[in-house]
Amino acid sequence: MKTIYYPEDDILYMRFNDKPIAREVSHGWNVNMAYAADGDLVEMSILDAQKEGMYPIQTEDRKAA
């Protein structure tokens, strides 16, 4: 996975794999998702990411049961 944040535009870009993009879908005004022909998520862009609380990304470390 590749993640890039563009602070000058407040855009968070995430690339999940290198498959070709077959279709793109907007989920609201600020989230755009691109899918491969097999339905896998290829990339996602979030506009106003920091303003909307999506950046910085917070993660949790969990131990296997």
N, C-alpha and C. Protein backbone atom coordinates (compact mmCIF):
# COMPACT_ATOMS: atom_id res chain seq x y z
N MET A 1 0.85 -1.18 0.00
CA MET A 1 0.00 0.00 0.00
C MET A 1 0.89 1.24 0.00
N LYS A 2 0.48 2.24 -0.73
CA LYS A 2 1.20 3.51 -0.81
C LYS A 2 0.26 4.61 -0.35
N THR A 3 0.72 5.44 0.57
CA THR A 3 -0.08 6.55 1.08
C THR A 3 0.70 7.83 0.92
N ILE A 4 0.06 8.84 0.35
CA ILE A 4 0.67 10.16 0.18
C ILE A 4 -0.32 11.21 0.68
N TYR A 5 0.19 12.15 1.46
CA TYR A 5 -0.63 13.29 1.88
C TYR A 5 -0.06 14.55 1.25
N TYR A 6 -0.92 15.32 0.59
CA TYR A 6 -0.54 16.58 -0.05
C TYR A 6 -1.05 17.72 0.82
N PRO A 7 -0.20 18.26 1.72
CA PRO A 7 -0.67 19.27 2.67
C PRO A 7 -1.15 20.57 2.02
N GLU A 8 -0.54 20.97 0.90
CA GLU A 8 -0.94 22.24 0.27
C GLU A 8 -2.37 22.19 -0.27
N ASP A 9 -2.86 20.98 -0.57
CA ASP A 9 -4.23 20.81 -1.07
C ASP A 9 -5.13 20.07 -0.09
N ASP A 10 -4.55 19.57 1.01
CA ASP A 10 -5.26 18.77 2.02
C ASP A 10 -5.93 17.55 1.38
N ILE A 11 -5.13 16.80 0.60
CA ILE A 11 -5.63 15.59 -0.07
C ILE A 11 -4.84 14.39 0.43
N LEU A 12 -5.55 13.34 0.82
CA LEU A 12 -4.95 12.07 1.21
C LEU A 12 -5.20 11.08 0.09
N TYR A 13 -4.11 10.50 -0.44
CA TYR A 13 -4.19 9.55 -1.55
C TYR A 13 -3.65 8.20 -1.07
N MET A 14 -4.40 7.14 -1.31
CA MET A 14 -3.97 5.79 -0.94
C MET A 14 -4.09 4.87 -2.16
N ARG A 15 -3.02 4.15 -2.45
CA ARG A 15 -2.99 3.20 -3.57
C ARG A 15 -2.81 1.82 -2.95
N PHE A 16 -3.74 0.91 -3.23
CA PHE A 16 -3.75 -0.41 -2.60
C PHE A 16 -3.10 -1.49 -3.44
N ASN A 17 -3.13 -1.35 -4.75
CA ASN A 17 -2.49 -2.33 -5.63
C ASN A 17 -2.25 -1.70 -6.99
N ASP A 18 -1.62 -2.46 -7.89
CA ASP A 18 -1.27 -1.93 -9.20
C ASP A 18 -2.21 -2.37 -10.32
N LYS A 19 -3.38 -2.88 -9.96
CA LYS A 19 -4.34 -3.30 -10.98
C LYS A 19 -4.84 -2.10 -11.78
N PRO A 20 -5.20 -2.31 -13.04
CA PRO A 20 -5.77 -1.21 -13.82
C PRO A 20 -7.14 -0.79 -13.27
N ILE A 21 -7.42 0.49 -13.35
CA ILE A 21 -8.70 1.01 -12.88
C ILE A 21 -9.77 0.80 -13.94
N ALA A 22 -10.88 0.19 -13.52
CA ALA A 22 -12.00 -0.07 -14.43
C ALA A 22 -13.14 0.92 -14.22
N ARG A 23 -13.31 1.39 -12.97
CA ARG A 23 -14.38 2.35 -12.70
C ARG A 23 -14.05 3.16 -11.46
N GLU A 24 -14.60 4.36 -11.42
CA GLU A 24 -14.41 5.25 -10.29
C GLU A 24 -15.77 5.66 -9.74
N VAL A 25 -15.85 5.77 -8.42
CA VAL A 25 -17.10 6.10 -7.77
C VAL A 25 -16.84 7.19 -6.73
N SER A 26 -17.70 8.21 -6.69
CA SER A 26 -17.63 9.23 -5.66
C SER A 26 -18.57 8.84 -4.53
N HIS A 27 -18.06 8.88 -3.32
CA HIS A 27 -18.85 8.60 -2.12
C HIS A 27 -18.93 9.91 -1.35
N GLY A 28 -19.94 10.69 -1.64
CA GLY A 28 -20.02 12.03 -1.09
C GLY A 28 -19.19 12.97 -1.95
N TRP A 29 -19.01 14.19 -1.50
CA TRP A 29 -18.31 15.18 -2.31
C TRP A 29 -16.79 15.07 -2.19
N ASN A 30 -16.29 14.40 -1.12
CA ASN A 30 -14.85 14.44 -0.91
C ASN A 30 -14.13 13.09 -0.92
N VAL A 31 -14.82 12.00 -1.16
CA VAL A 31 -14.19 10.68 -1.19
C VAL A 31 -14.41 10.05 -2.56
N ASN A 32 -13.32 9.76 -3.23
CA ASN A 32 -13.36 9.12 -4.54
C ASN A 32 -12.63 7.79 -4.47
N MET A 33 -13.27 6.73 -4.97
CA MET A 33 -12.69 5.40 -4.92
C MET A 33 -12.62 4.83 -6.33
N ALA A 34 -11.53 4.14 -6.63
CA ALA A 34 -11.34 3.53 -7.94
C ALA A 34 -11.22 2.02 -7.76
N TYR A 35 -11.89 1.27 -8.63
CA TYR A 35 -11.96 -0.18 -8.53
C TYR A 35 -11.41 -0.85 -9.78
N ALA A 36 -10.86 -2.04 -9.60
CA ALA A 36 -10.42 -2.88 -10.72
C ALA A 36 -11.64 -3.61 -11.28
N ALA A 37 -11.47 -4.26 -12.42
CA ALA A 37 -12.57 -5.00 -13.05
C ALA A 37 -13.09 -6.12 -12.15
N ASP A 38 -12.23 -6.70 -11.30
CA ASP A 38 -12.67 -7.78 -10.41
C ASP A 38 -13.31 -7.27 -9.12
N GLY A 39 -13.45 -5.94 -8.98
CA GLY A 39 -14.10 -5.36 -7.81
C GLY A 39 -13.17 -4.95 -6.69
N ASP A 40 -11.88 -5.29 -6.81
CA ASP A 40 -10.92 -4.88 -5.78
C ASP A 40 -10.75 -3.36 -5.77
N LEU A 41 -10.59 -2.82 -4.58
CA LEU A 41 -10.31 -1.39 -4.44
C LEU A 41 -8.87 -1.14 -4.85
N VAL A 42 -8.65 -0.24 -5.81
CA VAL A 42 -7.32 0.07 -6.30
C VAL A 42 -6.77 1.32 -5.62
N GLU A 43 -7.56 2.38 -5.56
CA GLU A 43 -7.09 3.61 -4.92
C GLU A 43 -8.24 4.40 -4.33
N MET A 44 -7.89 5.30 -3.40
CA MET A 44 -8.88 6.17 -2.77
C MET A 44 -8.24 7.54 -2.56
N SER A 45 -9.00 8.59 -2.85
CA SER A 45 -8.57 9.96 -2.61
C SER A 45 -9.59 10.64 -1.71
N ILE A 46 -9.09 11.33 -0.70
CA ILE A 46 -9.96 12.04 0.23
C ILE A 46 -9.58 13.51 0.19
N LEU A 47 -10.52 14.34 -0.24
CA LEU A 47 -10.33 15.79 -0.28
C LEU A 47 -10.64 16.38 1.10
N ASP A 48 -9.95 17.45 1.46
CA ASP A 48 -10.10 18.06 2.79
C ASP A 48 -9.90 17.02 3.89
N ALA A 49 -8.90 16.18 3.73
CA ALA A 49 -8.68 15.05 4.63
C ALA A 49 -8.44 15.49 6.08
N GLN A 50 -7.55 16.44 6.29
CA GLN A 50 -7.28 16.89 7.65
C GLN A 50 -8.47 17.66 8.22
N LYS A 51 -9.06 18.49 7.40
CA LYS A 51 -10.22 19.28 7.82
C LYS A 51 -11.37 18.38 8.27
N GLU A 52 -11.54 17.24 7.58
CA GLU A 52 -12.63 16.31 7.89
C GLU A 52 -12.24 15.25 8.93
N GLY A 53 -11.01 15.34 9.48
CA GLY A 53 -10.58 14.42 10.53
C GLY A 53 -10.08 13.08 10.03
N MET A 54 -9.75 12.98 8.74
CA MET A 54 -9.27 11.72 8.18
C MET A 54 -7.74 11.64 8.16
N TYR A 55 -7.07 12.74 8.50
CA TYR A 55 -5.62 12.76 8.52
C TYR A 55 -5.17 13.63 9.68
N PRO A 56 -4.19 13.24 10.49
CA PRO A 56 -3.35 12.06 10.31
C PRO A 56 -4.10 10.78 10.61
N ILE A 57 -3.66 9.71 9.97
CA ILE A 57 -4.27 8.39 10.14
C ILE A 57 -3.83 7.84 11.49
N GLN A 58 -4.78 7.32 12.23
CA GLN A 58 -4.47 6.70 13.52
C GLN A 58 -4.64 5.20 13.39
N THR A 59 -3.67 4.46 13.90
CA THR A 59 -3.74 3.00 13.86
C THR A 59 -3.55 2.45 15.26
N GLU A 60 -3.98 1.21 15.45
CA GLU A 60 -3.80 0.52 16.72
C GLU A 60 -2.98 -0.73 16.48
N ASP A 61 -2.09 -1.03 17.42
CA ASP A 61 -1.36 -2.29 17.38
C ASP A 61 -2.12 -3.29 18.23
N ARG A 62 -2.47 -4.40 17.64
CA ARG A 62 -3.20 -5.44 18.38
C ARG A 62 -2.41 -6.74 18.30
N LYS A 63 -2.45 -7.47 19.37
CA LYS A 63 -1.77 -8.75 19.41
C LYS A 63 -2.73 -9.86 19.00
N ALA A 64 -2.21 -10.85 18.30
CA ALA A 64 -3.04 -11.99 17.89
C ALA A 64 -3.50 -12.74 19.13
N ALA A 65 -4.71 -13.29 19.05
CA ALA A 65 -5.27 -14.03 20.19
C ALA A 65 -4.61 -15.37 20.36
